[in-house]
């Protein structure tokens, strides 16, 4: 079910007022033209790239094992990474990474680490696509996720009107002092309704992330109005 025709709790992915639920962000990522997906097959971690593009892709995949507690004195010792390159045929799915779980995690306990997969692909015509996926060795409820403080670093209005300084789109930048899981940004459905370009983010210290906000029905807002309407949550 895509949207609601009246207000109320339901299985829809878009609220009556136009605000996206988290499942809608997940669906938008799943239906991207180029998607990297990761799964555990018995004892092997397998990553595949699926392309809905009508052109051959030259893909590069970065794989990083990262500790949940990035501020731990052992964080550097627990971090490892690989880079692989692969050609992806048009409208095809290709395995790009296979590693045993123990080999992948190394000295890091499954409860203390997660794996980030970042794919960047270019067509023969020069069109660029990227995709991001995470692999969690244990259920999130069993992961040792540290306490973190997520902050709104900046709000930048996109093409504000010169008469009143208001706009219908903005760029929002978030930071965190430690690894923060599934950071979710929302606005009030009554004050400044709309949706974001992405949500349920994994934030790492020293890696600010910027997302776009698009107001519903071209509603125009000031920077102060948007900031007062925002709320940020994480696990």
Protein backbone atom coordinates (compact mmCIF):
# COMPACT_ATOMS: atom_id res chain seq x y z
CA UNK A 1 0.00 0.00 0.00
CA UNK A 2 1.48 3.32 -1.09
CA UNK A 3 -0.55 6.11 0.48
CA UNK A 4 -3.51 6.86 2.75
CA UNK A 5 -6.74 8.50 1.60
CA UNK A 6 -7.59 9.56 5.16
CA UNK A 7 -5.72 9.94 8.43
CA UNK A 8 -5.21 6.87 10.59
CA UNK A 9 -2.81 4.01 11.42
CA UNK A 10 -2.30 1.77 8.40
CA UNK A 11 0.20 -0.25 6.34
CA UNK A 12 0.75 2.61 3.89
CA UNK A 13 4.28 3.86 3.28
CA UNK A 14 3.20 7.50 2.75
CA UNK A 15 1.08 9.31 5.34
CA UNK A 16 -2.11 11.16 4.46
CA UNK A 17 -0.27 14.49 4.76
CA UNK A 18 2.49 13.39 2.38
CA UNK A 19 5.19 12.54 4.94
CA UNK A 20 7.20 9.41 4.11
CA UNK A 21 7.39 6.55 6.60
CA UNK A 22 10.73 4.75 6.95
CA UNK A 23 9.52 1.85 4.82
CA UNK A 24 9.14 4.25 1.88
CA UNK A 25 12.79 5.28 2.15
CA UNK A 26 13.77 1.60 2.22
CA UNK A 27 11.62 0.94 -0.85
CA UNK A 28 13.16 3.85 -2.74
CA UNK A 29 16.64 2.44 -2.10
CA UNK A 30 15.56 -1.08 -3.10
CA UNK A 31 14.21 0.19 -6.44
CA UNK A 32 17.27 2.29 -7.31
CA UNK A 33 18.67 1.68 -10.84
CA UNK A 34 21.85 0.20 -9.31
CA UNK A 35 21.65 -1.69 -6.02
CA UNK A 36 24.26 -3.43 -3.91
CA UNK A 37 22.78 -6.08 -1.61
CA UNK A 38 24.46 -8.19 1.05
CA UNK A 39 23.44 -11.44 2.73
CA UNK A 40 24.88 -14.25 4.82
CA UNK A 41 24.86 -17.70 3.18
CA UNK A 42 25.72 -20.16 5.97
CA UNK A 43 29.25 -18.93 6.82
CA UNK A 44 29.91 -16.69 3.79
CA UNK A 45 29.07 -13.02 3.35
CA UNK A 46 28.04 -12.37 -0.26
CA UNK A 47 27.50 -9.02 -1.96
CA UNK A 48 25.88 -8.61 -5.36
CA UNK A 49 25.23 -5.64 -7.63
CA UNK A 50 21.93 -5.59 -9.49
CA UNK A 51 21.60 -3.24 -12.45
CA UNK A 52 18.41 -2.04 -14.11
CA UNK A 53 20.50 0.11 -16.46
CA UNK A 54 20.50 -0.56 -20.21
CA UNK A 55 24.25 -0.18 -20.42
CA UNK A 56 27.35 -1.96 -19.18
CA UNK A 57 28.66 -0.69 -15.85
CA UNK A 58 32.19 -0.39 -14.54
CA UNK A 59 31.77 -0.81 -10.79
CA UNK A 60 34.04 -0.29 -7.81
CA UNK A 61 33.03 -1.65 -4.41
CA UNK A 62 34.55 -0.53 -1.13
CA UNK A 63 34.12 -2.86 1.84
CA UNK A 64 34.85 -1.59 5.35
CA UNK A 65 34.63 -3.46 8.65
CA UNK A 66 33.89 -0.78 11.25
CA UNK A 67 33.60 -0.98 15.05
CA UNK A 68 30.37 0.28 16.55
CA UNK A 69 32.32 2.20 19.16
CA UNK A 70 34.46 4.42 16.96
CA UNK A 71 35.93 6.13 20.04
CA UNK A 72 37.26 2.90 21.53
CA UNK A 73 41.07 2.82 21.89
CA UNK A 74 40.93 -0.46 19.93
CA UNK A 75 38.88 0.99 17.05
CA UNK A 76 41.81 1.27 14.66
CA UNK A 77 42.85 -2.33 15.25
CA UNK A 78 39.33 -3.57 14.52
CA UNK A 79 38.97 -1.68 11.23
CA UNK A 80 39.78 -3.34 7.90
CA UNK A 81 38.86 -2.72 4.26
CA UNK A 82 38.88 -4.12 0.74
CA UNK A 83 38.27 -2.66 -2.72
CA UNK A 84 37.09 -4.72 -5.70
CA UNK A 85 36.25 -3.80 -9.30
CA UNK A 86 33.80 -5.57 -11.58
CA UNK A 87 32.01 -5.16 -14.92
CA UNK A 88 28.23 -5.45 -14.69
CA UNK A 89 26.26 -6.40 -17.79
CA UNK A 90 23.07 -4.47 -18.67
CA UNK A 91 19.98 -5.59 -16.72
CA UNK A 92 22.00 -8.15 -14.80
CA UNK A 93 23.00 -9.15 -11.27
CA UNK A 94 26.60 -10.09 -10.44
CA UNK A 95 28.36 -11.30 -7.31
CA UNK A 96 31.12 -8.84 -6.51
CA UNK A 97 32.33 -9.94 -3.07
CA UNK A 98 32.49 -13.26 -1.22
CA UNK A 99 34.26 -13.74 2.12
CA UNK A 100 33.94 -16.11 5.02
CA UNK A 101 32.38 -14.36 8.00
CA UNK A 102 35.34 -15.09 10.29
CA UNK A 103 37.84 -13.91 7.67
CA UNK A 104 35.80 -10.75 7.06
CA UNK A 105 35.50 -9.73 10.71
CA UNK A 106 39.04 -10.72 11.69
CA UNK A 107 39.67 -10.01 15.37
CA UNK A 108 36.41 -8.08 15.79
CA UNK A 109 33.61 -9.78 17.74
CA UNK A 110 30.32 -9.95 15.79
CA UNK A 111 28.59 -7.83 18.46
CA UNK A 112 31.18 -5.05 18.14
CA UNK A 113 31.36 -4.49 14.38
CA UNK A 114 29.33 -3.93 11.25
CA UNK A 115 30.31 -3.88 7.56
CA UNK A 116 29.69 -1.04 5.13
CA UNK A 117 29.50 -1.75 1.40
CA UNK A 118 29.71 1.22 -0.97
CA UNK A 119 29.31 0.68 -4.72
CA UNK A 120 30.13 3.30 -7.34
CA UNK A 121 29.37 2.52 -10.96
CA UNK A 122 29.76 4.37 -14.26
CA UNK A 123 28.14 3.53 -17.59
CA UNK A 124 29.95 3.64 -20.92
CA UNK A 125 28.17 6.95 -21.50
CA UNK A 126 29.60 8.39 -18.28
CA UNK A 127 26.43 8.28 -16.14
CA UNK A 128 27.21 7.75 -12.45
CA UNK A 129 25.31 5.57 -9.96
CA UNK A 130 26.06 4.74 -6.34
CA UNK A 131 24.57 2.45 -3.71
CA UNK A 132 25.19 1.83 -0.02
CA UNK A 133 24.44 -1.26 2.06
CA UNK A 134 25.25 -2.49 5.55
CA UNK A 135 25.78 -5.96 6.92
CA UNK A 136 25.16 -6.60 10.60
CA UNK A 137 26.75 -9.85 11.86
CA UNK A 138 24.22 -10.10 14.70
CA UNK A 139 20.68 -8.76 15.15
CA UNK A 140 20.73 -5.06 15.97
CA UNK A 141 19.26 -5.77 19.42
CA UNK A 142 22.43 -7.76 20.25
CA UNK A 143 24.93 -5.24 18.85
CA UNK A 144 26.95 -3.17 21.31
CA UNK A 145 25.89 0.22 19.95
CA UNK A 146 27.48 3.05 21.95
CA UNK A 147 25.73 6.12 23.28
CA UNK A 148 25.97 8.96 20.77
CA UNK A 149 24.90 12.55 20.34
CA UNK A 150 23.55 13.50 16.92
CA UNK A 151 23.60 17.20 16.05
CA UNK A 152 22.05 19.30 13.33
CA UNK A 153 25.12 20.94 11.84
CA UNK A 154 23.51 23.22 9.27
CA UNK A 155 20.41 24.04 7.23
CA UNK A 156 20.87 25.58 3.79
CA UNK A 157 17.83 26.73 1.81
CA UNK A 158 17.91 25.85 -1.89
CA UNK A 159 17.04 28.73 -4.26
CA UNK A 160 15.33 30.94 -1.65
CA UNK A 161 13.01 33.66 -2.91
CA UNK A 162 14.78 37.02 -2.85
CA UNK A 163 11.64 38.72 -1.54
CA UNK A 164 11.09 36.81 1.72
CA UNK A 165 14.08 34.45 1.87
CA UNK A 166 11.84 31.38 1.93
CA UNK A 167 12.22 28.18 -0.11
CA UNK A 168 10.50 24.84 -0.70
CA UNK A 169 13.71 22.77 -0.55
CA UNK A 170 16.70 22.66 1.80
CA UNK A 171 19.88 20.75 2.52
CA UNK A 172 20.32 19.44 6.07
CA UNK A 173 23.67 18.29 7.43
CA UNK A 174 23.96 15.97 10.44
CA UNK A 175 26.95 14.99 12.57
CA UNK A 176 27.53 12.58 15.45
CA UNK A 177 30.22 12.25 18.10
CA UNK A 178 30.13 8.43 17.81
CA UNK A 179 28.53 5.81 15.60
CA UNK A 180 24.76 6.40 15.55
CA UNK A 181 22.44 3.74 14.13
CA UNK A 182 19.36 4.45 12.05
CA UNK A 183 19.32 8.19 12.54
CA UNK A 184 15.84 9.33 11.59
CA UNK A 185 14.89 12.91 10.74
CA UNK A 186 11.27 14.05 10.73
CA UNK A 187 9.34 17.29 10.38
CA UNK A 188 5.98 18.17 11.83
CA UNK A 189 3.20 17.12 9.46
CA UNK A 190 1.30 20.27 10.42
CA UNK A 191 4.09 22.89 10.48
CA UNK A 192 6.37 21.94 7.57
CA UNK A 193 5.17 18.69 5.95
CA UNK A 194 7.42 17.01 3.39
CA UNK A 195 9.96 14.27 2.88
CA UNK A 196 13.74 13.80 2.73
CA UNK A 197 16.04 12.39 0.06
CA UNK A 198 17.14 9.66 2.50
CA UNK A 199 16.58 8.61 6.08
CA UNK A 200 17.42 5.99 8.73
CA UNK A 201 21.11 6.81 8.33
CA UNK A 202 24.21 5.27 9.87
CA UNK A 203 26.29 8.22 11.09
CA UNK A 204 30.00 7.94 11.86
CA UNK A 205 32.08 10.52 13.75
CA UNK A 206 34.01 12.75 11.39
CA UNK A 207 31.69 11.89 8.48
CA UNK A 208 28.90 14.51 8.23
CA UNK A 209 25.97 13.44 6.08
CA UNK A 210 23.78 15.80 4.08
CA UNK A 211 20.25 15.05 2.93
CA UNK A 212 17.69 17.14 1.08
CA UNK A 213 14.27 18.14 2.39
CA UNK A 214 11.42 18.66 -0.08
CA UNK A 215 8.30 20.36 1.26
CA UNK A 216 4.88 18.98 0.39
CA UNK A 217 2.85 20.85 -2.23
CA UNK A 218 5.67 23.37 -2.78
CA UNK A 219 5.14 24.85 0.68
CA UNK A 220 7.64 27.63 1.33
CA UNK A 221 9.43 27.92 4.67
CA UNK A 222 12.20 29.87 6.36
CA UNK A 223 15.31 28.33 7.88
CA UNK A 224 13.95 29.04 11.37
CA UNK A 225 10.57 27.45 10.58
CA UNK A 226 12.21 24.29 9.28
CA UNK A 227 14.60 24.03 12.23
CA UNK A 228 11.78 24.40 14.77
CA UNK A 229 9.84 21.65 12.98
CA UNK A 230 12.70 19.12 12.89
CA UNK A 231 13.16 16.18 15.24
CA UNK A 232 16.05 13.68 15.17
CA UNK A 233 16.03 10.17 16.66
CA UNK A 234 18.40 7.20 16.64
CA UNK A 235 18.73 3.78 18.27
